Amino acid sequence: MTSFIASPTLTVWRTLLALAVVFVLLATTGWTAVHRQRGAPADSWKGAIAAWQADRVGARALPSPTSPPGVVAGFFASLKPAQRDRLAAEHPLVVGNLDGVPLALRYRANRRSLAEALAAERPRLKDSRLSPDGRQEAVRRVHRFSSLMRKGRQILAFDPSGKGRVAEVFGDLKRAERVSVIVPGVDTTLLTFQKTARRYTAPVGMAESLYAAERRAAPGVRTAVIAWGDYTAPAGVGMDAATGRLAEEGALRLVSLTEALPGNSRVSLFCHSYGSVVCGLAARRLPERVSDIAVAGSPGMRAGTAAELDTRARVWAMRDADDWIADVPHLDVGGLGHGEDPVDPAFGARLLSAAGAGGHGGYFEPGTESLRNLAGIGVGSYDSLRCAADDSTCRSGISGAGQL
């Protein structure tokens, strides 16, 4: 009897077929629905960059928008207050999105950009040429811009072009001892940045919940949380969600953010779903101040093991028992798939309990063990963490992490 050995080509085709089947499954079980994304034209951003590059402060050229945060910070530190204010007033879109710009100036610039975006969007509500879908989108954009402009909101990044990008700070980022950054997954856009229904599945709800949990866990620790929707996430089920193309660009932006954070705070990244792909690709380039990377509901981090991430940060992973992401093939074939499963013990992450999460979108729900664990990491209270196994193995080797 002749034995059958699968050829590499056949293995690849079987893998692709498995991926295709799973993507169809996910489309019917809640990953996300494919939908067309609209938004402001990219020309507004291109025009803002062109105006910035043509401007001067005296005889000095303005720093390139691609300059490292340290270069940008040095430039703004050399300016007089009136010069900084003038740049924020005349170039709000650039100043509000430039890592290295002083926080207060970024907040002010983004508020101005929001006001301009709102003024440009409102006339569309009366445009008779809009389709019903177009009108509904205009209504949603007006509502979102108005909401982001409410008193007390600290908008760290805002770009209305395309699907839109936005980031918001909860707490005093400048004085924080511990900073948490939430990196969300697919279908994160300007319009989905905050939700009323299923509130804790959106970046704002996640951040609000985590910030409250951190303050309960360690009232004496100065904390801040960033809801970071400042990268172009995949829209729906498709090739972008199955590859790392968008995550690569997101990883560059995430590294820049962490390099630009003020002070000497310790930083933790909380990466949900496709956001964990972004964090995995960013890992080896993160500054040393990033002490922890925690992934929840991860399809993979584009690495075979935690050691391959080549980071000094501790790597944590959790997955709820009812999370459908477990059905995603943990493969990387020809760029499709995101590698090994982070909750597989062989991957080498520190495995945390996600009890109570109730599926893929519930990791930040108040009252869950998943949220308590994330908050414990965020404030550095490692001895409070509940491991996935009923022991203390996930806390081994961490100074100050005691027994349960």
Protein backbone atom coordinates (compact mmCIF):
# COMPACT_ATOMS: atom_id res chain seq x y z
CA MET A 1 0.00 0.00 0.00
CA THR A 2 1.41 3.35 -1.04
CA SER A 3 1.56 6.02 1.65
CA PHE A 4 0.41 9.50 0.78
CA ILE A 5 2.60 12.48 1.63
CA ALA A 6 1.01 15.90 1.08
CA SER A 7 3.05 18.17 -1.16
CA PRO A 8 3.86 21.74 -0.03
CA THR A 9 1.52 23.08 -2.74
CA LEU A 10 -1.36 20.93 -1.53
CA THR A 11 -0.70 22.01 2.05
CA VAL A 12 -0.87 25.66 1.02
CA TRP A 13 -4.15 25.16 -0.83
CA ARG A 14 -5.66 23.31 2.11
CA THR A 15 -4.58 26.15 4.39
CA LEU A 16 -6.09 28.78 2.11
CA LEU A 17 -9.32 26.79 1.93
CA ALA A 18 -9.39 26.57 5.73
CA LEU A 19 -8.91 30.31 6.00
CA ALA A 20 -11.67 30.97 3.49
CA VAL A 21 -14.09 28.74 5.34
CA VAL A 22 -13.31 30.38 8.65
CA PHE A 23 -13.72 33.89 7.23
CA VAL A 24 -17.18 32.90 5.98
CA LEU A 25 -17.92 31.49 9.41
CA LEU A 26 -16.78 34.69 11.10
CA ALA A 27 -18.92 36.78 8.77
CA THR A 28 -21.98 34.95 10.07
CA THR A 29 -20.98 34.71 13.73
CA GLY A 30 -20.10 38.22 14.68
CA TRP A 31 -16.58 39.24 13.65
CA THR A 32 -17.93 42.13 11.63
CA ALA A 33 -20.05 42.85 8.61
CA VAL A 34 -18.44 44.08 5.42
CA HIS A 35 -19.56 47.58 4.65
CA ARG A 36 -18.37 50.49 2.62
CA GLN A 37 -16.60 53.24 4.49
CA ARG A 38 -16.97 56.84 3.46
CA GLY A 39 -15.58 60.01 4.89
CA ALA A 40 -13.92 63.33 4.21
CA PRO A 41 -11.58 63.33 1.20
CA ALA A 42 -7.89 62.77 1.76
CA ASP A 43 -7.29 66.07 -0.07
CA SER A 44 -7.92 67.95 3.19
CA TRP A 45 -4.96 66.20 4.79
CA LYS A 46 -2.75 66.67 1.72
CA GLY A 47 -3.62 70.35 1.67
CA ALA A 48 -2.81 70.69 5.36
CA ILE A 49 0.60 69.05 4.85
CA ALA A 50 1.38 71.26 1.86
CA ALA A 51 0.54 74.41 3.83
CA TRP A 52 2.66 73.23 6.76
CA GLN A 53 5.66 72.51 4.57
CA ALA A 54 5.40 75.94 2.94
CA ASP A 55 5.35 77.80 6.28
CA ARG A 56 8.28 79.16 8.29
CA VAL A 57 8.98 80.43 11.78
CA GLY A 58 11.27 83.29 10.95
CA ALA A 59 13.79 81.74 8.59
CA ARG A 60 13.32 78.24 10.01
CA ALA A 61 11.47 75.50 8.18
CA LEU A 62 8.89 73.55 10.15
CA PRO A 63 9.78 69.94 11.00
CA SER A 64 8.63 67.28 8.59
CA PRO A 65 5.42 65.49 9.63
CA THR A 66 7.49 62.29 9.52
CA SER A 67 10.14 63.59 11.94
CA PRO A 68 10.82 61.53 15.08
CA PRO A 69 8.90 62.75 18.15
CA GLY A 70 12.12 63.96 19.78
CA VAL A 71 12.86 66.27 16.86
CA VAL A 72 9.34 67.68 16.96
CA ALA A 73 9.49 68.15 20.72
CA GLY A 74 12.81 69.98 20.46
CA PHE A 75 11.48 72.29 17.78
CA PHE A 76 8.36 73.26 19.75
CA ALA A 77 10.40 73.71 22.93
CA SER A 78 12.50 76.32 21.10
CA LEU A 79 9.45 78.42 20.15
CA LYS A 80 7.90 81.30 22.01
CA PRO A 81 4.33 80.75 23.27
CA ALA A 82 2.92 83.08 20.63
CA GLN A 83 4.71 81.14 17.89
CA ARG A 84 3.34 77.81 19.14
CA ASP A 85 -0.17 79.26 19.35
CA ARG A 86 0.09 80.62 15.81
CA LEU A 87 1.06 77.22 14.40
CA ALA A 88 -1.81 75.51 16.23
CA ALA A 89 -4.28 78.09 14.93
CA GLU A 90 -3.08 78.04 11.32
CA HIS A 91 -2.21 74.33 11.03
CA PRO A 92 -4.50 72.55 13.51
CA LEU A 93 -4.74 69.29 11.56
CA VAL A 94 -0.97 68.86 11.49
CA VAL A 95 -0.22 70.13 15.00
CA GLY A 96 -3.00 68.01 16.50
CA ASN A 97 -1.60 64.80 14.99
CA LEU A 98 2.13 65.40 15.38
CA ASP A 99 3.80 63.24 18.01
CA GLY A 100 6.14 65.40 20.08
CA VAL A 101 3.89 68.47 20.18
CA PRO A 102 3.05 69.55 23.78
CA LEU A 103 -0.16 67.90 25.00
CA ALA A 104 -2.14 71.06 25.74
CA LEU A 105 -1.33 72.39 22.28
CA ARG A 106 -2.44 69.15 20.63
CA TYR A 107 -5.71 69.16 22.54
CA ARG A 108 -6.35 72.76 21.49
CA ALA A 109 -5.42 72.14 17.86
CA ASN A 110 -7.69 69.11 17.62
CA ARG A 111 -10.58 71.05 19.09
CA ARG A 112 -10.09 73.61 16.33
CA SER A 113 -9.93 70.87 13.67
CA LEU A 114 -13.13 69.37 15.05
CA ALA A 115 -14.87 72.74 14.83
CA GLU A 116 -13.76 73.11 11.21
CA ALA A 117 -14.85 69.58 10.35
CA LEU A 118 -18.24 70.17 11.98
CA ALA A 119 -18.74 73.44 10.09
CA ALA A 120 -17.91 71.67 6.82
CA GLU A 121 -20.22 68.72 7.52
CA ARG A 122 -23.36 70.52 8.65
CA PRO A 123 -24.31 71.89 5.18
CA ARG A 124 -24.36 68.31 3.86
CA LEU A 125 -27.41 67.63 6.03
CA LYS A 126 -29.44 69.85 3.69
CA ASP A 127 -27.93 68.56 0.45
CA SER A 128 -30.82 67.12 -1.59
CA ARG A 129 -28.39 65.15 -3.74
CA LEU A 130 -27.43 62.86 -0.87
CA SER A 131 -28.77 59.32 -0.86
CA PRO A 132 -30.54 58.14 2.32
CA ASP A 133 -27.34 56.33 3.31
CA GLY A 134 -25.28 59.43 2.62
CA ARG A 135 -27.59 61.55 4.71
CA GLN A 136 -27.45 59.07 7.58
CA GLU A 137 -23.69 59.11 7.47
CA ALA A 138 -23.65 62.92 7.50
CA VAL A 139 -25.90 62.87 10.56
CA ARG A 140 -23.57 60.42 12.29
CA ARG A 141 -20.48 62.49 11.48
CA VAL A 142 -22.09 65.67 12.80
CA HIS A 143 -23.04 63.83 15.96
CA ARG A 144 -19.54 62.40 16.38
CA PHE A 145 -17.79 65.73 15.84
CA SER A 146 -20.14 67.45 18.28
CA SER A 147 -19.60 64.74 20.88
CA LEU A 148 -15.81 64.89 20.61
CA MET A 149 -15.96 68.66 21.15
CA ARG A 150 -17.76 68.41 24.48
CA LYS A 151 -16.10 70.21 27.36
CA GLY A 152 -13.45 68.21 29.15
CA ARG A 153 -12.66 65.76 26.35
CA GLN A 154 -8.93 65.47 25.59
CA ILE A 155 -8.52 64.58 21.93
CA LEU A 156 -4.96 63.49 21.28
CA ALA A 157 -5.39 62.83 17.55
CA PHE A 158 -8.09 63.64 15.00
CA ASP A 159 -8.15 63.16 11.23
CA PRO A 160 -11.56 63.24 9.50
CA SER A 161 -10.28 62.06 6.11
CA GLY A 162 -11.26 58.64 4.79
CA LYS A 163 -12.71 56.47 7.55
CA GLY A 164 -11.21 58.86 10.07
CA ARG A 165 -8.80 58.38 12.96
CA VAL A 166 -9.06 59.59 16.53
CA ALA A 167 -7.43 59.09 19.93
CA GLU A 168 -8.62 60.32 23.32
CA VAL A 169 -6.96 60.60 26.74
CA PHE A 170 -8.65 59.80 30.05
CA GLY A 171 -6.82 61.21 33.05
CA ASP A 172 -3.81 63.50 33.31
CA LEU A 173 -1.35 62.10 30.78
CA LYS A 174 1.35 64.61 31.65
CA ARG A 175 1.43 63.67 35.36
CA ALA A 176 0.61 59.97 35.06
CA GLU A 177 2.85 57.37 36.67
CA ARG A 178 1.23 54.55 34.69
CA VAL A 179 -0.19 54.92 31.16
CA SER A 180 -2.42 52.34 29.47
CA VAL A 181 -2.94 52.33 25.70
CA ILE A 182 -5.90 50.47 24.23
CA VAL A 183 -5.24 49.24 20.68
CA PRO A 184 -8.57 48.12 19.14
CA GLY A 185 -9.25 45.83 16.21
CA VAL A 186 -11.24 45.62 12.98
CA ASP A 187 -13.81 48.25 12.01
CA THR A 188 -12.34 50.92 14.26
CA THR A 189 -13.23 54.20 12.57
CA LEU A 190 -14.19 57.71 13.53
CA LEU A 191 -17.85 56.65 13.62
CA THR A 192 -17.30 53.50 15.69
CA PHE A 193 -14.86 55.09 18.12
CA GLN A 194 -17.70 55.44 20.61
CA LYS A 195 -20.96 53.50 20.86
CA THR A 196 -24.15 53.73 22.87
CA ALA A 197 -25.22 50.12 22.35
CA ARG A 198 -22.53 47.58 23.26
CA ARG A 199 -20.61 50.45 24.78
CA TYR A 200 -17.62 48.47 25.99
CA THR A 201 -16.82 47.04 22.58
CA ALA A 202 -15.72 50.48 21.32
CA PRO A 203 -12.44 52.24 22.19
CA VAL A 204 -14.02 54.99 24.30
CA GLY A 205 -16.06 52.54 26.37
CA MET A 206 -13.04 50.26 26.77
CA ALA A 207 -10.91 53.17 27.99
CA GLU A 208 -13.55 54.53 30.35
CA SER A 209 -14.04 51.10 31.86
CA LEU A 210 -10.32 50.41 32.23
CA TYR A 211 -9.63 53.86 33.71
CA ALA A 212 -12.34 53.39 36.34
CA ALA A 213 -11.08 49.88 37.15
CA GLU A 214 -7.49 51.10 37.52
CA ARG A 215 -8.52 53.83 39.94
CA ARG A 216 -10.42 51.28 42.01
CA ALA A 217 -7.46 48.90 41.96
CA ALA A 218 -4.88 51.52 42.99
CA PRO A 219 -6.40 54.83 44.14
CA GLY A 220 -2.99 56.21 45.02
CA VAL A 221 -1.46 55.66 41.59
CA ARG A 222 -1.72 58.43 39.01
CA THR A 223 -3.04 56.73 35.89
CA ALA A 224 -4.06 57.72 32.38
CA VAL A 225 -5.67 55.65 29.63
CA ILE A 226 -5.53 56.34 25.90
CA ALA A 227 -8.27 55.11 23.60
CA TRP A 228 -6.10 54.80 20.52
CA GLY A 229 -8.04 54.64 17.26
CA ASP A 230 -5.23 56.40 15.42
CA TYR A 231 -4.50 53.80 12.77
CA THR A 232 -6.37 52.55 9.72
CA ALA A 233 -7.98 49.29 10.84
CA PRO A 234 -9.38 46.67 8.44
CA ALA A 235 -12.97 47.20 7.36
CA GLY A 236 -14.89 43.99 7.73
CA VAL A 237 -13.92 40.45 6.83
CA GLY A 238 -11.51 40.34 3.93
CA MET A 239 -7.90 40.29 2.89
CA ASP A 240 -6.94 43.28 5.04
CA ALA A 241 -8.14 41.47 8.16
CA ALA A 242 -6.27 38.31 7.15
CA THR A 243 -2.93 40.01 6.47
CA GLY A 244 -0.60 42.34 8.33
CA ARG A 245 -0.52 45.14 5.75
CA LEU A 246 -2.56 47.65 7.75
CA ALA A 247 -1.04 46.44 11.02
CA GLU A 248 2.44 47.32 9.77
CA GLU A 249 1.48 50.96 9.27
CA GLY A 250 -0.38 50.91 12.57
CA ALA A 251 2.69 49.54 14.33
CA LEU A 252 4.78 52.47 13.15
CA ARG A 253 2.20 54.89 14.51
CA LEU A 254 1.97 53.01 17.80
CA VAL A 255 5.75 53.11 18.30
CA SER A 256 5.74 56.85 17.59
CA LEU A 257 2.97 57.37 20.15
CA THR A 258 4.86 55.52 22.89
CA GLU A 259 8.06 57.42 22.12
CA ALA A 260 6.24 60.75 22.38
CA LEU A 261 4.49 60.20 25.71
CA PRO A 262 5.54 62.82 28.29
CA GLY A 263 7.44 62.16 31.49
CA ASN A 264 8.85 58.80 32.54
CA SER A 265 5.64 56.85 33.12
CA ARG A 266 5.51 53.08 32.68
CA VAL A 267 3.35 52.09 29.71
CA SER A 268 1.13 49.06 29.16
CA LEU A 269 -0.46 48.13 25.84
CA PHE A 270 -3.87 46.41 25.79
CA CYS A 271 -4.42 44.94 22.36
CA HIS A 272 -7.80 43.55 21.35
CA SER A 273 -8.42 41.26 18.36
CA TYR A 274 -6.61 42.64 15.24
CA GLY A 275 -5.05 45.22 17.55
CA SER A 276 -2.83 42.40 18.84
CA VAL A 277 -1.40 42.05 15.32
CA VAL A 278 -0.46 45.74 15.49
CA CYS A 279 1.14 45.24 18.90
CA GLY A 280 3.02 42.16 17.75
CA LEU A 281 4.58 43.99 14.83
CA ALA A 282 5.43 46.99 17.03
CA ALA A 283 6.89 44.94 19.90
CA ARG A 284 10.58 44.88 19.00
CA ARG A 285 10.67 48.64 18.32
CA LEU A 286 8.89 49.81 21.46
CA PRO A 287 10.83 51.96 23.95
CA GLU A 288 11.91 50.38 27.23
CA ARG A 289 9.22 52.27 29.14
CA VAL A 290 6.66 49.84 27.68
CA SER A 291 6.61 47.23 30.43
CA ASP A 292 3.63 45.07 29.42
CA ILE A 293 1.79 43.94 26.30
CA ALA A 294 -1.53 42.21 27.00
CA VAL A 295 -3.60 40.70 24.19
CA ALA A 296 -7.24 39.67 24.41
CA GLY A 297 -9.11 37.67 21.77
CA SER A 298 -6.03 37.60 19.57
CA PRO A 299 -5.92 36.03 16.08
CA GLY A 300 -2.11 35.97 16.45
CA MET A 301 0.78 38.39 16.81
CA ARG A 302 2.66 37.42 13.63
CA ALA A 303 5.20 35.50 15.67
CA GLY A 304 5.80 31.86 16.48
CA THR A 305 6.55 32.47 20.16
CA ALA A 306 6.57 35.33 22.63
CA ALA A 307 10.37 35.26 22.50
CA GLU A 308 10.24 35.99 18.76
CA LEU A 309 8.56 39.31 19.52
CA ASP A 310 12.01 40.37 20.74
CA THR A 311 10.70 42.73 23.41
CA ARG A 312 11.63 43.38 27.02
CA ALA A 313 7.96 43.89 27.83
CA ARG A 314 6.08 41.11 29.58
CA VAL A 315 3.64 39.44 27.17
CA TRP A 316 0.21 38.47 28.55
CA ALA A 317 -2.67 36.72 26.78
CA MET A 318 -6.28 35.90 27.57
CA ARG A 319 -9.23 34.44 25.72
CA ASP A 320 -12.76 33.85 26.90
CA ALA A 321 -14.10 30.32 26.54
CA ASP A 322 -16.90 31.59 24.27
CA ASP A 323 -14.71 33.75 22.02
CA TRP A 324 -15.16 32.72 18.38
CA ILE A 325 -11.60 33.89 17.60
CA ALA A 326 -10.51 30.44 18.77
CA ASP A 327 -11.82 29.10 15.43
CA VAL A 328 -9.39 31.20 13.39
CA PRO A 329 -6.56 29.06 11.95
CA HIS A 330 -3.36 30.12 13.68
CA LEU A 331 -1.19 29.95 10.61
CA ASP A 332 0.97 32.20 8.48
CA VAL A 333 1.01 31.00 4.89
CA GLY A 334 2.10 33.39 2.18
CA GLY A 335 1.25 36.35 4.38
CA LEU A 336 -2.24 35.08 5.22
CA GLY A 337 -2.97 34.49 8.87
CA HIS A 338 -1.24 35.91 11.91
CA GLY A 339 0.86 33.09 13.28
CA GLU A 340 0.64 30.98 16.42
CA ASP A 341 -2.08 31.24 19.04
CA PRO A 342 -0.94 33.49 21.93
CA VAL A 343 -2.96 31.47 24.46
CA ASP A 344 -1.27 28.22 23.43
CA PRO A 345 1.12 27.44 26.31
CA ALA A 346 3.80 26.71 23.72
CA PHE A 347 3.68 30.36 22.60
CA GLY A 348 5.12 31.39 25.97
CA ALA A 349 2.84 34.27 26.99
CA ARG A 350 1.69 34.67 30.58
CA LEU A 351 -1.86 33.31 30.50
CA LEU A 352 -4.59 35.24 32.33
CA SER A 353 -8.16 34.39 33.24
CA ALA A 354 -10.84 36.07 31.12
CA ALA A 355 -13.76 34.80 33.20
CA GLY A 356 -16.97 36.71 32.66
CA ALA A 357 -16.01 38.28 29.34
CA GLY A 358 -18.78 36.39 27.58
CA GLY A 359 -17.28 36.27 24.11
CA HIS A 360 -15.10 38.31 21.80
CA GLY A 361 -16.33 41.78 22.70
CA GLY A 362 -16.63 41.55 26.48
CA TYR A 363 -13.09 41.82 27.82
CA PHE A 364 -13.59 45.37 29.12
CA GLU A 365 -17.06 44.83 30.59
CA PRO A 366 -17.26 46.09 34.19
CA GLY A 367 -17.36 43.31 36.77
CA THR A 368 -15.44 40.78 34.69
CA GLU A 369 -12.26 39.06 35.79
CA SER A 370 -10.78 39.96 32.43
CA LEU A 371 -11.14 43.68 33.22
CA ARG A 372 -9.77 43.25 36.74
CA ASN A 373 -6.72 41.50 35.32
CA LEU A 374 -6.15 44.21 32.71
CA ALA A 375 -6.46 46.91 35.36
CA GLY A 376 -4.00 45.06 37.60
CA ILE A 377 -1.44 45.09 34.81
CA GLY A 378 -2.17 48.75 34.09
CA VAL A 379 -1.34 49.84 37.64
CA GLY A 380 1.48 47.34 38.17
CA SER A 381 -0.44 45.31 40.75
CA TYR A 382 0.82 41.96 39.53
CA ASP A 383 0.11 40.15 42.77
CA SER A 384 -3.63 40.70 42.19
CA LEU A 385 -3.71 38.94 38.82
CA ARG A 386 -5.70 35.75 38.33
CA CYS A 387 -3.94 33.30 36.04
CA ALA A 388 -5.79 31.16 33.49
CA ALA A 389 -4.78 28.09 35.47
CA ASP A 390 -5.71 27.90 39.15
CA ASP A 391 -2.18 28.73 40.26
CA SER A 392 0.32 31.58 40.14
CA THR A 393 2.35 30.49 37.12
CA CYS A 394 1.52 33.58 35.05
CA ARG A 395 3.11 35.79 37.73
CA SER A 396 6.34 33.83 38.11
CA GLY A 397 9.53 35.83 38.00
CA ILE A 398 7.85 39.20 38.55
CA SER A 399 9.21 41.12 41.51
CA GLY A 400 6.51 41.73 44.11
CA ALA A 401 4.02 39.31 42.57
CA GLY A 402 2.82 37.18 45.47
CA GLN A 403 0.67 34.10 45.72
CA LEU A 404 -3.11 34.04 45.37
